[in-house]
Amino acid sequence: MKTINNSSEIYKQIIALKDLPEQEIINHLMEKYKSANKEIYYPLIGDIFGILGFDCRVSRNGTNYER
């Protein structure tokens, strides 16, 4: 089983919001990241997949063969 990266920024944010209803957490995160560029968004999605237990690595910009 994959260990969760509990030092990632998104993990810390989710834990800080854990007592809120699920939809409020989603709304908060959507609002915070709605204007994120790919340098922020792609690593964020990679971290979220990691939290969910998937082995996900974010490749460098333009490195298509690692997708």
N, C-alpha and C. Protein backbone atom coordinates (compact mmCIF):
# COMPACT_ATOMS: atom_id res chain seq x y z
N MET A 1 0.83 -1.19 0.00
CA MET A 1 0.00 0.00 0.00
C MET A 1 0.88 1.25 0.00
N LYS A 2 0.52 2.20 -0.82
CA LYS A 2 1.28 3.44 -0.94
C LYS A 2 1.07 4.32 0.30
N THR A 3 2.15 4.91 0.79
CA THR A 3 2.01 5.82 1.91
C THR A 3 1.63 7.20 1.40
N ILE A 4 0.81 7.89 2.16
CA ILE A 4 0.32 9.21 1.77
C ILE A 4 1.37 10.25 2.12
N ASN A 5 1.59 11.17 1.19
CA ASN A 5 2.51 12.28 1.43
C ASN A 5 1.78 13.33 2.27
N ASN A 6 1.86 13.18 3.58
CA ASN A 6 1.14 14.10 4.44
C ASN A 6 1.88 15.41 4.66
N SER A 7 2.94 15.66 3.89
CA SER A 7 3.62 16.95 3.97
C SER A 7 3.23 17.85 2.79
N SER A 8 2.41 17.32 1.87
CA SER A 8 2.00 18.14 0.73
C SER A 8 1.07 19.25 1.18
N GLU A 9 1.10 20.35 0.49
CA GLU A 9 0.29 21.52 0.84
C GLU A 9 -1.20 21.19 0.79
N ILE A 10 -1.64 20.47 -0.22
CA ILE A 10 -3.06 20.17 -0.36
C ILE A 10 -3.52 19.25 0.77
N TYR A 11 -2.69 18.31 1.19
CA TYR A 11 -3.04 17.43 2.31
C TYR A 11 -3.25 18.27 3.57
N LYS A 12 -2.35 19.20 3.83
CA LYS A 12 -2.47 20.06 5.00
C LYS A 12 -3.75 20.89 4.94
N GLN A 13 -4.09 21.38 3.75
CA GLN A 13 -5.31 22.18 3.60
C GLN A 13 -6.55 21.33 3.85
N ILE A 14 -6.57 20.14 3.31
CA ILE A 14 -7.72 19.26 3.50
C ILE A 14 -7.88 18.89 4.97
N ILE A 15 -6.79 18.58 5.63
CA ILE A 15 -6.85 18.23 7.05
C ILE A 15 -7.35 19.42 7.86
N ALA A 16 -6.92 20.63 7.51
CA ALA A 16 -7.38 21.83 8.23
C ALA A 16 -8.89 22.04 8.06
N LEU A 17 -9.44 21.56 6.94
CA LEU A 17 -10.86 21.75 6.64
C LEU A 17 -11.71 20.52 6.96
N LYS A 18 -11.10 19.49 7.51
CA LYS A 18 -11.76 18.18 7.63
C LYS A 18 -13.07 18.18 8.41
N ASP A 19 -13.29 19.15 9.26
CA ASP A 19 -14.53 19.18 10.04
C ASP A 19 -15.69 19.82 9.29
N LEU A 20 -15.41 20.39 8.13
CA LEU A 20 -16.47 20.99 7.32
C LEU A 20 -17.17 19.91 6.50
N PRO A 21 -18.39 20.18 6.06
CA PRO A 21 -19.05 19.24 5.14
C PRO A 21 -18.24 19.11 3.84
N GLU A 22 -18.32 17.94 3.23
CA GLU A 22 -17.55 17.64 2.02
C GLU A 22 -17.71 18.71 0.95
N GLN A 23 -18.94 19.14 0.69
CA GLN A 23 -19.18 20.13 -0.36
C GLN A 23 -18.51 21.46 -0.05
N GLU A 24 -18.46 21.85 1.22
CA GLU A 24 -17.78 23.09 1.60
C GLU A 24 -16.27 22.99 1.37
N ILE A 25 -15.70 21.83 1.65
CA ILE A 25 -14.27 21.63 1.38
C ILE A 25 -14.00 21.76 -0.11
N ILE A 26 -14.84 21.12 -0.91
CA ILE A 26 -14.68 21.19 -2.37
C ILE A 26 -14.82 22.62 -2.85
N ASN A 27 -15.83 23.32 -2.38
CA ASN A 27 -16.04 24.71 -2.78
C ASN A 27 -14.87 25.60 -2.39
N HIS A 28 -14.34 25.39 -1.20
CA HIS A 28 -13.19 26.18 -0.74
C HIS A 28 -11.98 25.95 -1.64
N LEU A 29 -11.69 24.68 -1.93
CA LEU A 29 -10.53 24.37 -2.77
C LEU A 29 -10.72 24.85 -4.20
N MET A 30 -11.94 24.72 -4.72
CA MET A 30 -12.22 25.20 -6.08
C MET A 30 -12.00 26.71 -6.16
N GLU A 31 -12.47 27.43 -5.17
CA GLU A 31 -12.31 28.88 -5.15
C GLU A 31 -10.83 29.26 -5.07
N LYS A 32 -10.10 28.56 -4.23
CA LYS A 32 -8.68 28.87 -4.05
C LYS A 32 -7.86 28.62 -5.31
N TYR A 33 -8.18 27.54 -6.03
CA TYR A 33 -7.35 27.14 -7.17
C TYR A 33 -7.98 27.41 -8.53
N LYS A 34 -9.08 28.13 -8.59
CA LYS A 34 -9.77 28.33 -9.88
C LYS A 34 -8.95 29.09 -10.90
N SER A 35 -8.01 29.89 -10.48
CA SER A 35 -7.19 30.63 -11.45
C SER A 35 -5.74 30.12 -11.47
N ALA A 36 -5.52 28.92 -10.96
CA ALA A 36 -4.17 28.36 -10.92
C ALA A 36 -3.67 28.05 -12.33
N ASN A 37 -2.41 28.33 -12.56
CA ASN A 37 -1.81 27.97 -13.85
C ASN A 37 -1.32 26.53 -13.79
N LYS A 38 -0.78 26.03 -14.88
CA LYS A 38 -0.39 24.62 -14.93
C LYS A 38 0.77 24.29 -13.98
N GLU A 39 1.59 25.27 -13.64
CA GLU A 39 2.68 25.02 -12.70
C GLU A 39 2.17 24.75 -11.29
N ILE A 40 1.01 25.25 -10.97
CA ILE A 40 0.36 24.99 -9.68
C ILE A 40 -0.62 23.84 -9.80
N TYR A 41 -1.41 23.84 -10.87
CA TYR A 41 -2.52 22.89 -11.02
C TYR A 41 -2.04 21.45 -11.18
N TYR A 42 -1.08 21.20 -12.05
CA TYR A 42 -0.63 19.83 -12.29
C TYR A 42 -0.05 19.17 -11.04
N PRO A 43 0.86 19.83 -10.31
CA PRO A 43 1.34 19.22 -9.07
C PRO A 43 0.22 19.02 -8.04
N LEU A 44 -0.74 19.95 -8.02
CA LEU A 44 -1.88 19.82 -7.12
C LEU A 44 -2.65 18.53 -7.42
N ILE A 45 -2.95 18.30 -8.69
CA ILE A 45 -3.68 17.09 -9.08
C ILE A 45 -2.85 15.84 -8.76
N GLY A 46 -1.54 15.91 -9.00
CA GLY A 46 -0.67 14.79 -8.65
C GLY A 46 -0.72 14.48 -7.16
N ASP A 47 -0.71 15.53 -6.34
CA ASP A 47 -0.80 15.32 -4.89
C ASP A 47 -2.15 14.73 -4.49
N ILE A 48 -3.23 15.21 -5.11
CA ILE A 48 -4.55 14.68 -4.80
C ILE A 48 -4.63 13.19 -5.16
N PHE A 49 -4.11 12.81 -6.32
CA PHE A 49 -4.10 11.39 -6.68
C PHE A 49 -3.26 10.60 -5.69
N GLY A 50 -2.16 11.17 -5.23
CA GLY A 50 -1.33 10.51 -4.22
C GLY A 50 -2.09 10.30 -2.92
N ILE A 51 -2.85 11.30 -2.49
CA ILE A 51 -3.67 11.18 -1.28
C ILE A 51 -4.68 10.07 -1.44
N LEU A 52 -5.20 9.91 -2.65
CA LEU A 52 -6.19 8.87 -2.92
C LEU A 52 -5.56 7.48 -3.04
N GLY A 53 -4.22 7.41 -3.01
CA GLY A 53 -3.54 6.12 -3.03
C GLY A 53 -2.95 5.72 -4.36
N PHE A 54 -3.02 6.59 -5.35
CA PHE A 54 -2.44 6.28 -6.66
C PHE A 54 -0.98 6.70 -6.71
N ASP A 55 -0.16 5.91 -7.39
CA ASP A 55 1.24 6.25 -7.59
C ASP A 55 1.30 7.23 -8.76
N CYS A 56 1.38 8.48 -8.45
CA CYS A 56 1.30 9.52 -9.48
C CYS A 56 2.52 10.43 -9.39
N ARG A 57 3.19 10.60 -10.50
CA ARG A 57 4.33 11.51 -10.59
C ARG A 57 4.03 12.54 -11.66
N VAL A 58 4.28 13.78 -11.36
CA VAL A 58 4.04 14.87 -12.31
C VAL A 58 5.31 15.08 -13.11
N SER A 59 5.19 14.95 -14.43
CA SER A 59 6.36 15.13 -15.28
C SER A 59 6.65 16.61 -15.48
N ARG A 60 7.87 16.88 -15.91
CA ARG A 60 8.25 18.26 -16.22
C ARG A 60 7.46 18.75 -17.42
N ASN A 61 7.34 20.04 -17.53
CA ASN A 61 6.65 20.67 -18.66
C ASN A 61 7.31 20.23 -19.96
N GLY A 62 6.52 19.71 -20.88
CA GLY A 62 7.03 19.29 -22.18
C GLY A 62 7.54 17.87 -22.24
N THR A 63 7.54 17.15 -21.12
CA THR A 63 8.03 15.78 -21.10
C THR A 63 6.83 14.86 -21.27
N ASN A 64 6.35 14.77 -22.48
CA ASN A 64 5.12 14.02 -22.76
C ASN A 64 5.25 12.52 -22.61
N TYR A 65 6.44 11.98 -22.82
CA TYR A 65 6.61 10.53 -22.77
C TYR A 65 6.45 9.97 -21.35
N GLU A 66 6.43 10.81 -20.31
CA GLU A 66 6.29 10.33 -18.94
C GLU A 66 4.82 10.32 -18.49
N ARG A 67 3.90 10.70 -19.34
CA ARG A 67 2.50 10.77 -18.93
C ARG A 67 1.88 9.41 -18.85
